[in-house]
Amino acid sequence: MTLDAAIDAFLGSLERERGLSPHTIRGYRQDLRSLAEALDRRGVTAVAEIDVEALRDWLWERQQGGAAPSSLARNTSAVKAFGRWLSETVPGAQNPAARLRIPKAPKRLPRVLTEQQATASLDELAARAASGDPVARRDLAIIELLYATGIRAQELCSAGPGDLDLRARTIRVLGKGAKERIVPFGKPAADALDAYLRLARPALAARAEAPGNALFLGARGGDLGTRAVYAITERLLDRVPGSGPSGPHTLRHTAATHLLDGGADLRVVQEVLGHASLASTQVYTQVSSERLAAVYRQAHPRA
């Protein structure tokens, strides 16, 4: 079996059997295509010709090329998943990645906005939305919802109008592994969403011959994509003081941290975020502790 054919079959199985998101599958595809290109330069094109040394050489090349430890860890995870699939699916195939170890990526605390920064950003968007511009009304609703719920960009983009319950102030989203959950939000988000649905969404839909079916529409009336959501959040957060990413995940981190700061139970935050493991949620307890320590050092005269 050729390596290219095996990769295609593996990616197909991820989509059919495991229900992984398109974003996750794109990551696997990118990593495994990089591996295939590196092996092809060595004349390795068949699955049976792959061994652990070839995999280590590829990872070493990636490291020498400047790949970050977090990227190398992701590369290794992708190859190990592919190797397991080979040994379980392809007759006679061995797992060439069985002895690979996933390098530990350095732990970095996620970027989190302060409550004042979040409020100021939302006030800025609200001032723009007051002009009546449908795109500005939409952007306010998006940011309010992301901050209120901590949902992922993909979850937001895949939601339809029927997934929103303004009376109960909840939204139904489909998370990783095709797991559905109901996430609550507050009155500010509900008000922004109500204005968007009544005034902005119809105006955006009128711009397209065949309007999109998603809850949020693009400027031309089609379904809004995750790339557009990243652009919206980056335009807003790039102006906020502080280092780190400016994508929608920053609002997810911020929502989780502010929930914990406000006294929410860790299990509740896990449910809100849709984390399969509590360990994924526990990083926010460290963020809260770091923020507390920073405030203490700044405020206490004997710190």
C-alpha atoms as a PDB file:
ATOM      1  CA  MET A   1       0.000   0.000   0.000  1.00  0.00           C
ATOM      2  CA  THR A   2       1.399   3.405  -0.921  1.00  0.00           C
ATOM      3  CA  LEU A   3       1.861   6.017   1.773  1.00  0.00           C
ATOM      4  CA  ASP A   4      -0.346   8.521  -0.054  1.00  0.00           C
ATOM      5  CA  ALA A   5      -3.192   6.012  -0.316  1.00  0.00           C
ATOM      6  CA  ALA A   6      -2.831   5.087   3.356  1.00  0.00           C
ATOM      7  CA  ILE A   7      -2.943   8.738   4.425  1.00  0.00           C
ATOM      8  CA  ASP A   8      -6.106   9.349   2.380  1.00  0.00           C
ATOM      9  CA  ALA A   9      -7.765   6.275   3.886  1.00  0.00           C
ATOM     10  CA  PHE A  10      -6.727   7.282   7.407  1.00  0.00           C
ATOM     11  CA  LEU A  11      -8.106  10.824   7.014  1.00  0.00           C
ATOM     12  CA  GLY A  12     -11.332   9.412   5.636  1.00  0.00           C
ATOM     13  CA  SER A  13     -11.699   7.159   8.676  1.00  0.00           C
ATOM     14  CA  LEU A  14     -11.185  10.101  11.025  1.00  0.00           C
ATOM     15  CA  GLU A  15     -14.070  11.930   9.412  1.00  0.00           C
ATOM     16  CA  ARG A  16     -16.436   8.955   9.136  1.00  0.00           C
ATOM     17  CA  GLU A  17     -15.783   7.036  12.326  1.00  0.00           C
ATOM     18  CA  ARG A  18     -14.479   9.538  14.870  1.00  0.00           C
ATOM     19  CA  GLY A  19     -16.440  12.587  13.803  1.00  0.00           C
ATOM     20  CA  LEU A  20     -13.476  14.927  14.166  1.00  0.00           C
ATOM     21  CA  SER A  21     -13.877  18.557  13.173  1.00  0.00           C
ATOM     22  CA  PRO A  22     -12.691  19.778   9.752  1.00  0.00           C
ATOM     23  CA  HIS A  23     -10.087  21.909  11.535  1.00  0.00           C
ATOM     24  CA  THR A  24      -8.598  18.866  13.313  1.00  0.00           C
ATOM     25  CA  ILE A  25      -8.582  16.816  10.121  1.00  0.00           C
ATOM     26  CA  ARG A  26      -6.818  19.640   8.278  1.00  0.00           C
ATOM     27  CA  GLY A  27      -4.119  19.549  10.969  1.00  0.00           C
ATOM     28  CA  TYR A  28      -3.644  15.788  10.536  1.00  0.00           C
ATOM     29  CA  ARG A  29      -3.536  16.200   6.759  1.00  0.00           C
ATOM     30  CA  GLN A  30      -0.923  18.956   6.938  1.00  0.00           C
ATOM     31  CA  ASP A  31       1.339  16.955   9.263  1.00  0.00           C
ATOM     32  CA  LEU A  32       1.085  13.691   7.335  1.00  0.00           C
ATOM     33  CA  ARG A  33       1.608  15.357   3.946  1.00  0.00           C
ATOM     34  CA  SER A  34       4.749  16.931   5.347  1.00  0.00           C
ATOM     35  CA  LEU A  35       5.898  13.482   6.438  1.00  0.00           C
ATOM     36  CA  ALA A  36       5.077  11.982   3.020  1.00  0.00           C
ATOM     37  CA  GLU A  37       7.098  14.667   1.231  1.00  0.00           C
ATOM     38  CA  ALA A  38      10.095  14.108   3.523  1.00  0.00           C
ATOM     39  CA  LEU A  39       9.955  10.330   3.020  1.00  0.00           C
ATOM     40  CA  ASP A  40       9.511  10.717  -0.734  1.00  0.00           C
ATOM     41  CA  ARG A  41      12.812  12.628  -0.873  1.00  0.00           C
ATOM     42  CA  ARG A  42      14.403   9.500   0.585  1.00  0.00           C
ATOM     43  CA  GLY A  43      12.674   7.275  -1.942  1.00  0.00           C
ATOM     44  CA  VAL A  44      10.209   5.909   0.640  1.00  0.00           C
ATOM     45  CA  THR A  45       6.713   5.728  -0.866  1.00  0.00           C
ATOM     46  CA  ALA A  46       5.271   2.494   0.560  1.00  0.00           C
ATOM     47  CA  VAL A  47       3.878   1.925   4.033  1.00  0.00           C
ATOM     48  CA  ALA A  48       6.014  -1.192   4.518  1.00  0.00           C
ATOM     49  CA  GLU A  49       9.206   0.864   4.039  1.00  0.00           C
ATOM     50  CA  ILE A  50       8.551   3.274   6.927  1.00  0.00           C
ATOM     51  CA  ASP A  51      10.499   2.724  10.126  1.00  0.00           C
ATOM     52  CA  VAL A  52      10.976   4.636  13.349  1.00  0.00           C
ATOM     53  CA  GLU A  53      14.327   6.042  12.255  1.00  0.00           C
ATOM     54  CA  ALA A  54      12.737   7.653   9.197  1.00  0.00           C
ATOM     55  CA  LEU A  55      10.120   9.219  11.442  1.00  0.00           C
ATOM     56  CA  ARG A  56      12.768  10.518  13.821  1.00  0.00           C
ATOM     57  CA  ASP A  57      14.718  11.986  10.914  1.00  0.00           C
ATOM     58  CA  TRP A  58      11.604  13.848   9.789  1.00  0.00           C
ATOM     59  CA  LEU A  59      11.004  15.252  13.263  1.00  0.00           C
ATOM     60  CA  TRP A  60      14.667  16.267  13.508  1.00  0.00           C
ATOM     61  CA  GLU A  61      14.375  18.109  10.193  1.00  0.00           C
ATOM     62  CA  ARG A  62      11.279  19.874  11.481  1.00  0.00           C
ATOM     63  CA  GLN A  63      13.138  20.883  14.642  1.00  0.00           C
ATOM     64  CA  GLN A  64      16.136  22.154  12.690  1.00  0.00           C
ATOM     65  CA  GLY A  65      13.751  24.120  10.496  1.00  0.00           C
ATOM     66  CA  GLY A  66      12.551  26.064  13.533  1.00  0.00           C
ATOM     67  CA  ALA A  67       9.401  24.161  14.450  1.00  0.00           C
ATOM     68  CA  ALA A  68       8.211  25.018  17.950  1.00  0.00           C
ATOM     69  CA  PRO A  69       8.036  22.281  20.620  1.00  0.00           C
ATOM     70  CA  SER A  70       4.248  22.509  20.542  1.00  0.00           C
ATOM     71  CA  SER A  71       4.285  21.895  16.767  1.00  0.00           C
ATOM     72  CA  LEU A  72       6.628  18.926  17.163  1.00  0.00           C
ATOM     73  CA  ALA A  73       4.322  17.466  19.807  1.00  0.00           C
ATOM     74  CA  ARG A  74       1.372  17.821  17.428  1.00  0.00           C
ATOM     75  CA  ASN A  75       3.402  16.259  14.564  1.00  0.00           C
ATOM     76  CA  THR A  76       4.306  13.304  16.753  1.00  0.00           C
ATOM     77  CA  SER A  77       0.715  12.813  17.912  1.00  0.00           C
ATOM     78  CA  ALA A  78      -0.496  12.769  14.314  1.00  0.00           C
ATOM     79  CA  VAL A  79       2.101  10.191  13.264  1.00  0.00           C
ATOM     80  CA  LYS A  80       1.396   7.975  16.280  1.00  0.00           C
ATOM     81  CA  ALA A  81      -2.347   8.033  15.516  1.00  0.00           C
ATOM     82  CA  PHE A  82      -1.584   7.149  11.896  1.00  0.00           C
ATOM     83  CA  GLY A  83       0.736   4.325  12.989  1.00  0.00           C
ATOM     84  CA  ARG A  84      -1.928   2.834  15.275  1.00  0.00           C
ATOM     85  CA  TRP A  85      -4.449   2.973  12.458  1.00  0.00           C
ATOM     86  CA  LEU A  86      -2.022   1.207  10.104  1.00  0.00           C
ATOM     87  CA  SER A  87      -1.403  -1.669  12.524  1.00  0.00           C
ATOM     88  CA  GLU A  88      -5.128  -2.103  13.191  1.00  0.00           C
ATOM     89  CA  THR A  89      -6.399  -1.694   9.624  1.00  0.00           C
ATOM     90  CA  VAL A  90      -3.821  -2.645   7.002  1.00  0.00           C
ATOM     91  CA  PRO A  91      -3.123  -6.413   6.856  1.00  0.00           C
ATOM     92  CA  GLY A  92       0.467  -7.192   7.814  1.00  0.00           C
ATOM     93  CA  ALA A  93       1.340  -3.559   8.588  1.00  0.00           C
ATOM     94  CA  GLN A  94       3.338  -2.722  11.690  1.00  0.00           C
ATOM     95  CA  ASN A  95       3.140   0.462  13.745  1.00  0.00           C
ATOM     96  CA  PRO A  96       6.352   2.331  12.841  1.00  0.00           C
ATOM     97  CA  ALA A  97       5.586   5.042  15.395  1.00  0.00           C
ATOM     98  CA  ALA A  98       5.156   2.739  18.385  1.00  0.00           C
ATOM     99  CA  ARG A  99       8.502   3.776  19.922  1.00  0.00           C
ATOM    100  CA  LEU A 100       8.147   7.499  19.211  1.00  0.00           C
ATOM    101  CA  ARG A 101       7.787   9.670  22.268  1.00  0.00           C
ATOM    102  CA  ILE A 102       5.748  12.825  22.211  1.00  0.00           C
ATOM    103  CA  PRO A 103       7.986  15.729  23.283  1.00  0.00           C
ATOM    104  CA  LYS A 104       6.608  17.766  26.133  1.00  0.00           C
ATOM    105  CA  ALA A 105       5.656  21.234  24.997  1.00  0.00           C
ATOM    106  CA  PRO A 106       6.426  24.016  27.461  1.00  0.00           C
ATOM    107  CA  LYS A 107       3.349  25.041  29.396  1.00  0.00           C
ATOM    108  CA  ARG A 108       2.238  28.533  28.528  1.00  0.00           C
ATOM    109  CA  LEU A 109      -0.665  30.222  30.206  1.00  0.00           C
ATOM    110  CA  PRO A 110      -3.278  31.402  27.705  1.00  0.00           C
ATOM    111  CA  ARG A 111      -3.874  35.079  27.074  1.00  0.00           C
ATOM    112  CA  VAL A 112      -6.769  36.376  29.155  1.00  0.00           C
ATOM    113  CA  LEU A 113      -8.366  39.816  29.043  1.00  0.00           C
ATOM    114  CA  THR A 114      -9.146  41.654  32.241  1.00  0.00           C
ATOM    115  CA  GLU A 115     -12.794  42.399  32.984  1.00  0.00           C
ATOM    116  CA  GLN A 116     -12.092  46.065  32.210  1.00  0.00           C
ATOM    117  CA  GLN A 117     -10.539  45.196  28.847  1.00  0.00           C
ATOM    118  CA  ALA A 118     -13.446  42.923  27.919  1.00  0.00           C
ATOM    119  CA  THR A 119     -15.987  45.588  28.891  1.00  0.00           C
ATOM    120  CA  ALA A 120     -14.138  48.317  26.987  1.00  0.00           C
ATOM    121  CA  SER A 121     -13.950  46.141  23.858  1.00  0.00           C
ATOM    122  CA  LEU A 122     -17.660  45.351  23.992  1.00  0.00           C
ATOM    123  CA  ASP A 123     -18.508  49.019  24.590  1.00  0.00           C
ATOM    124  CA  GLU A 124     -16.485  49.901  21.496  1.00  0.00           C
ATOM    125  CA  LEU A 125     -18.430  47.385  19.417  1.00  0.00           C
ATOM    126  CA  ALA A 126     -21.746  48.568  20.859  1.00  0.00           C
ATOM    127  CA  ALA A 127     -20.948  52.146  19.810  1.00  0.00           C
ATOM    128  CA  ARG A 128     -20.354  50.951  16.255  1.00  0.00           C
ATOM    129  CA  ALA A 129     -23.505  48.846  16.266  1.00  0.00           C
ATOM    130  CA  ALA A 130     -25.538  51.880  17.361  1.00  0.00           C
ATOM    131  CA  SER A 131     -24.949  53.319  13.880  1.00  0.00           C
ATOM    132  CA  GLY A 132     -27.300  50.654  12.513  1.00  0.00           C
ATOM    133  CA  ASP A 133     -24.713  49.006  10.280  1.00  0.00           C
ATOM    134  CA  PRO A 134     -25.752  45.324   9.993  1.00  0.00           C
ATOM    135  CA  VAL A 135     -22.154  44.068   9.974  1.00  0.00           C
ATOM    136  CA  ALA A 136     -21.408  46.037  13.149  1.00  0.00           C
ATOM    137  CA  ARG A 137     -24.545  44.613  14.808  1.00  0.00           C
ATOM    138  CA  ARG A 138     -23.447  41.131  13.786  1.00  0.00           C
ATOM    139  CA  ASP A 139     -19.914  41.625  15.128  1.00  0.00           C
ATOM    140  CA  LEU A 140     -21.258  42.793  18.480  1.00  0.00           C
ATOM    141  CA  ALA A 141     -23.512  39.733  18.725  1.00  0.00           C
ATOM    142  CA  ILE A 142     -20.608  37.429  17.858  1.00  0.00           C
ATOM    143  CA  ILE A 143     -18.204  38.861  20.429  1.00  0.00           C
ATOM    144  CA  GLU A 144     -20.888  39.028  23.132  1.00  0.00           C
ATOM    145  CA  LEU A 145     -21.744  35.377  22.492  1.00  0.00           C
ATOM    146  CA  LEU A 146     -18.135  34.177  22.409  1.00  0.00           C
ATOM    147  CA  TYR A 147     -17.329  35.962  25.652  1.00  0.00           C
ATOM    148  CA  ALA A 148     -20.569  34.900  27.353  1.00  0.00           C
ATOM    149  CA  THR A 149     -20.327  31.220  26.461  1.00  0.00           C
ATOM    150  CA  GLY A 150     -16.681  30.386  25.716  1.00  0.00           C
ATOM    151  CA  ILE A 151     -17.755  28.365  22.666  1.00  0.00           C
ATOM    152  CA  ARG A 152     -15.265  27.650  19.886  1.00  0.00           C
ATOM    153  CA  ALA A 153     -15.259  29.516  16.573  1.00  0.00           C
ATOM    154  CA  GLN A 154     -16.245  26.348  14.696  1.00  0.00           C
ATOM    155  CA  GLU A 155     -19.122  25.750  17.103  1.00  0.00           C
ATOM    156  CA  LEU A 156     -20.345  29.300  16.570  1.00  0.00           C
ATOM    157  CA  CYS A 157     -20.155  29.051  12.773  1.00  0.00           C
ATOM    158  CA  SER A 158     -21.946  25.700  12.596  1.00  0.00           C
ATOM    159  CA  ALA A 159     -24.879  26.859  14.758  1.00  0.00           C
ATOM    160  CA  GLY A 160     -28.188  27.652  13.053  1.00  0.00           C
ATOM    161  CA  PRO A 161     -30.968  30.048  14.089  1.00  0.00           C
ATOM    162  CA  GLY A 162     -32.915  27.097  15.481  1.00  0.00           C
ATOM    163  CA  ASP A 163     -30.073  26.332  17.904  1.00  0.00           C
ATOM    164  CA  LEU A 164     -30.612  29.654  19.672  1.00  0.00           C
ATOM    165  CA  ASP A 165     -33.224  30.046  22.420  1.00  0.00           C
ATOM    166  CA  LEU A 166     -33.432  33.710  23.394  1.00  0.00           C
ATOM    167  CA  ARG A 167     -36.212  33.082  25.903  1.00  0.00           C
ATOM    168  CA  ALA A 168     -34.094  30.550  27.832  1.00  0.00           C
ATOM    169  CA  ARG A 169     -30.860  32.373  26.895  1.00  0.00           C
ATOM    170  CA  THR A 170     -29.127  29.222  25.681  1.00  0.00           C
ATOM    171  CA  ILE A 171     -27.447  28.017  22.510  1.00  0.00           C
ATOM    172  CA  ARG A 172     -27.050  24.422  21.365  1.00  0.00           C
ATOM    173  CA  VAL A 173     -23.651  23.678  19.843  1.00  0.00           C
ATOM    174  CA  LEU A 174     -21.932  20.643  18.388  1.00  0.00           C
ATOM    175  CA  GLY A 175     -18.472  20.295  19.889  1.00  0.00           C
ATOM    176  CA  LYS A 176     -15.488  18.027  19.329  1.00  0.00           C
ATOM    177  CA  GLY A 177     -16.318  14.404  18.712  1.00  0.00           C
ATOM    178  CA  ALA A 178     -19.820  15.469  17.563  1.00  0.00           C
ATOM    179  CA  LYS A 179     -20.850  15.970  21.203  1.00  0.00           C
ATOM    180  CA  GLU A 180     -23.824  18.270  21.655  1.00  0.00           C
ATOM    181  CA  ARG A 181     -24.187  20.596  24.623  1.00  0.00           C
ATOM    182  CA  ILE A 182     -26.405  23.471  25.727  1.00  0.00           C
ATOM    183  CA  VAL A 183     -24.569  26.607  26.862  1.00  0.00           C
ATOM    184  CA  PRO A 184     -26.220  29.512  28.715  1.00  0.00           C
ATOM    185  CA  PHE A 185     -25.552  33.209  28.173  1.00  0.00           C
ATOM    186  CA  GLY A 186     -26.607  36.432  29.861  1.00  0.00           C
ATOM    187  CA  LYS A 187     -28.771  39.449  29.076  1.00  0.00           C
ATOM    188  CA  PRO A 188     -26.140  41.556  27.234  1.00  0.00           C
ATOM    189  CA  ALA A 189     -25.522  38.728  24.771  1.00  0.00           C
ATOM    190  CA  ALA A 190     -29.275  38.092  24.488  1.00  0.00           C
ATOM    191  CA  ASP A 191     -29.928  41.771  23.679  1.00  0.00           C
ATOM    192  CA  ALA A 192     -27.164  41.846  21.048  1.00  0.00           C
ATOM    193  CA  LEU A 193     -28.430  38.610  19.479  1.00  0.00           C
ATOM    194  CA  ASP A 194     -32.019  39.848  19.454  1.00  0.00           C
ATOM    195  CA  ALA A 195     -31.006  43.050  17.645  1.00  0.00           C
ATOM    196  CA  TYR A 196     -28.915  41.039  15.193  1.00  0.00           C
ATOM    197  CA  LEU A 197     -31.742  38.617  14.380  1.00  0.00           C
ATOM    198  CA  ARG A 198     -34.384  41.330  13.995  1.00  0.00           C
ATOM    199  CA  LEU A 199     -32.405  44.037  12.228  1.00  0.00           C
ATOM    200  CA  ALA A 200     -29.059  42.811  10.898  1.00  0.00           C
ATOM    201  CA  ARG A 201     -29.489  39.218   9.733  1.00  0.00           C
ATOM    202  CA  PRO A 202     -32.399  40.023   7.356  1.00  0.00           C
ATOM    203  CA  ALA A 203     -30.368  42.891   5.885  1.00  0.00           C
ATOM    204  CA  LEU A 204     -27.366  40.630   5.326  1.00  0.00           C
ATOM    205  CA  ALA A 205     -29.527  37.844   3.882  1.00  0.00           C
ATOM    206  CA  ALA A 206     -31.016  40.314   1.375  1.00  0.00           C
ATOM    207  CA  ARG A 207     -27.542  40.798  -0.146  1.00  0.00           C
ATOM    208  CA  ALA A 208     -27.406  37.211  -1.460  1.00  0.00           C
ATOM    209  CA  GLU A 209     -29.490  35.427  -4.079  1.00  0.00           C
ATOM    210  CA  ALA A 210     -29.264  32.296  -1.928  1.00  0.00           C
ATOM    211  CA  PRO A 211     -28.741  33.381   1.706  1.00  0.00           C
ATOM    212  CA  GLY A 212     -26.860  31.136   4.104  1.00  0.00           C
ATOM    213  CA  ASN A 213     -28.591  28.940   6.663  1.00  0.00           C
ATOM    214  CA  ALA A 214     -26.218  29.533   9.571  1.00  0.00           C
ATOM    215  CA  LEU A 215     -27.019  31.698  12.553  1.00  0.00           C
ATOM    216  CA  PHE A 216     -24.346  34.180  11.532  1.00  0.00           C
ATOM    217  CA  LEU A 217     -24.066  35.422   7.957  1.00  0.00           C
ATOM    218  CA  GLY A 218     -21.160  37.047   6.167  1.00  0.00           C
ATOM    219  CA  ALA A 219     -21.159  40.533   4.700  1.00  0.00           C
ATOM    220  CA  ARG A 220     -22.485  39.148   1.386  1.00  0.00           C
ATOM    221  CA  GLY A 221     -25.217  37.049   2.950  1.00  0.00           C
ATOM    222  CA  GLY A 222     -23.606  33.616   2.898  1.00  0.00           C
ATOM    223  CA  ASP A 223     -22.737  31.468   5.896  1.00  0.00           C
ATOM    224  CA  LEU A 224     -20.007  33.018   8.037  1.00  0.00           C
ATOM    225  CA  GLY A 225     -16.774  30.976   8.136  1.00  0.00           C
ATOM    226  CA  THR A 226     -14.269  30.541  10.944  1.00  0.00           C
ATOM    227  CA  ARG A 227     -11.665  32.591   9.068  1.00  0.00           C
ATOM    228  CA  ALA A 228     -14.013  35.589   9.190  1.00  0.00           C
ATOM    229  CA  VAL A 229     -14.555  35.071  12.930  1.00  0.00           C
ATOM    230  CA  TYR A 230     -10.784  35.124  13.453  1.00  0.00           C
ATOM    231  CA  ALA A 231     -10.559  38.355  11.447  1.00  0.00           C
ATOM    232  CA  ILE A 232     -13.320  39.964  13.550  1.00  0.00           C
ATOM    233  CA  THR A 233     -11.688  39.094  16.870  1.00  0.00           C
ATOM    234  CA  GLU A 234      -8.199  40.021  15.682  1.00  0.00           C
ATOM    235  CA  ARG A 235      -9.330  43.475  14.560  1.00  0.00           C
ATOM    236  CA  LEU A 236     -10.795  44.013  18.005  1.00  0.00           C
ATOM    237  CA  LEU A 237      -8.186  42.395  20.257  1.00  0.00           C
ATOM    238  CA  ASP A 238      -5.096  43.647  18.414  1.00  0.00           C
ATOM    239  CA  ARG A 239      -5.881  47.052  19.936  1.00  0.00           C
ATOM    240  CA  VAL A 240      -6.119  45.646  23.478  1.00  0.00           C
ATOM    241  CA  PRO A 241      -2.901  45.915  25.516  1.00  0.00           C
ATOM    242  CA  GLY A 242      -1.191  42.605  26.232  1.00  0.00           C
ATOM    243  CA  SER A 243       0.791  39.976  24.388  1.00  0.00           C
ATOM    244  CA  GLY A 244      -0.430  36.741  22.922  1.00  0.00           C
ATOM    245  CA  PRO A 245      -2.988  35.572  20.374  1.00  0.00           C
ATOM    246  CA  SER A 246      -5.913  37.737  19.283  1.00  0.00           C
ATOM    247  CA  GLY A 247      -8.173  34.990  17.946  1.00  0.00           C
ATOM    248  CA  PRO A 248     -11.546  33.806  19.286  1.00  0.00           C
ATOM    249  CA  HIS A 249      -9.835  31.320  21.614  1.00  0.00           C
ATOM    250  CA  THR A 250      -8.660  34.293  23.686  1.00  0.00           C
ATOM    251  CA  LEU A 251     -12.317  35.035  24.415  1.00  0.00           C
ATOM    252  CA  ARG A 252     -12.829  31.363  25.316  1.00  0.00           C
ATOM    253  CA  HIS A 253      -9.915  31.543  27.759  1.00  0.00           C
ATOM    254  CA  THR A 254     -11.238  34.824  29.125  1.00  0.00           C
ATOM    255  CA  ALA A 255     -14.750  33.462  29.643  1.00  0.00           C
ATOM    256  CA  ALA A 256     -13.440  30.415  31.527  1.00  0.00           C
ATOM    257  CA  THR A 257     -11.119  32.459  33.731  1.00  0.00           C
ATOM    258  CA  HIS A 258     -13.777  35.034  34.590  1.00  0.00           C
ATOM    259  CA  LEU A 259     -16.213  32.252  35.479  1.00  0.00           C
ATOM    260  CA  LEU A 260     -13.683  30.794  37.921  1.00  0.00           C
ATOM    261  CA  ASP A 261     -12.824  34.241  39.268  1.00  0.00           C
ATOM    262  CA  GLY A 262     -16.524  34.741  39.927  1.00  0.00           C
ATOM    263  CA  GLY A 263     -16.771  31.540  41.959  1.00  0.00           C
ATOM    264  CA  ALA A 264     -17.933  28.982  39.374  1.00  0.00           C
ATOM    265  CA  ASP A 265     -17.171  25.346  40.104  1.00  0.00           C
ATOM    266  CA  LEU A 266     -14.478  23.749  37.947  1.00  0.00           C
ATOM    267  CA  ARG A 267     -16.889  21.017  36.824  1.00  0.00           C
ATOM    268  CA  VAL A 268     -19.384  23.646  35.684  1.00  0.00           C
ATOM    269  CA  VAL A 269     -16.699  25.375  33.622  1.00  0.00           C
ATOM    270  CA  GLN A 270     -15.766  22.005  32.129  1.00  0.00           C
ATOM    271  CA  GLU A 271     -19.371  21.497  31.024  1.00  0.00           C
ATOM    272  CA  VAL A 272     -19.636  25.008  29.601  1.00  0.00           C
ATOM    273  CA  LEU A 273     -16.443  24.620  27.566  1.00  0.00           C
ATOM    274  CA  GLY A 274     -17.217  21.077  26.460  1.00  0.00           C
ATOM    275  CA  HIS A 275     -13.924  19.633  27.684  1.00  0.00           C
ATOM    276  CA  ALA A 276     -13.814  15.839  27.668  1.00  0.00           C
ATOM    277  CA  SER A 277     -11.224  15.859  30.453  1.00  0.00           C
ATOM    278  CA  LEU A 278     -11.158  17.956  33.596  1.00  0.00           C
ATOM    279  CA  ALA A 279      -7.397  18.266  33.139  1.00  0.00           C
ATOM    280  CA  SER A 280      -8.018  20.516  30.125  1.00  0.00           C
ATOM    281  CA  THR A 281     -10.054  22.866  32.307  1.00  0.00           C
ATOM    282  CA  GLN A 282      -7.628  22.939  35.227  1.00  0.00           C
ATOM    283  CA  VAL A 283      -5.205  25.233  33.368  1.00  0.00           C
ATOM    284  CA  TYR A 284      -7.642  28.066  34.112  1.00  0.00           C
ATOM    285  CA  THR A 285      -7.224  27.583  37.846  1.00  0.00           C
ATOM    286  CA  GLN A 286      -3.546  28.343  37.302  1.00  0.00           C
ATOM    287  CA  VAL A 287      -4.456  31.407  35.250  1.00  0.00           C
ATOM    288  CA  SER A 288      -6.658  32.648  38.072  1.00  0.00           C
ATOM    289  CA  SER A 289      -3.877  32.039  40.597  1.00  0.00           C
ATOM    290  CA  GLU A 290      -1.355  33.886  38.433  1.00  0.00           C
ATOM    291  CA  ARG A 291      -3.739  36.826  38.040  1.00  0.00           C
ATOM    292  CA  LEU A 292      -4.330  36.916  41.793  1.00  0.00           C
ATOM    293  CA  ALA A 293      -0.594  36.866  42.471  1.00  0.00           C
ATOM    294  CA  ALA A 294       0.024  39.636  39.941  1.00  0.00           C
ATOM    295  CA  VAL A 295      -2.640  41.855  41.493  1.00  0.00           C
ATOM    296  CA  TYR A 296      -1.234  41.152  44.952  1.00  0.00           C
ATOM    297  CA  ARG A 297       2.308  42.035  43.914  1.00  0.00           C
ATOM    298  CA  GLN A 298       1.096  45.249  42.368  1.00  0.00           C
ATOM    299  CA  ALA A 299      -1.241  46.293  45.194  1.00  0.00           C
ATOM    300  CA  HIS A 300       0.309  45.197  48.473  1.00  0.00           C
ATOM    301  CA  PRO A 301       3.012  47.477  49.925  1.00  0.00           C
ATOM    302  CA  ARG A 302       4.933  44.529  51.368  1.00  0.00           C
ATOM    303  CA  ALA A 303       4.582  42.188  48.380  1.00  0.00           C
END
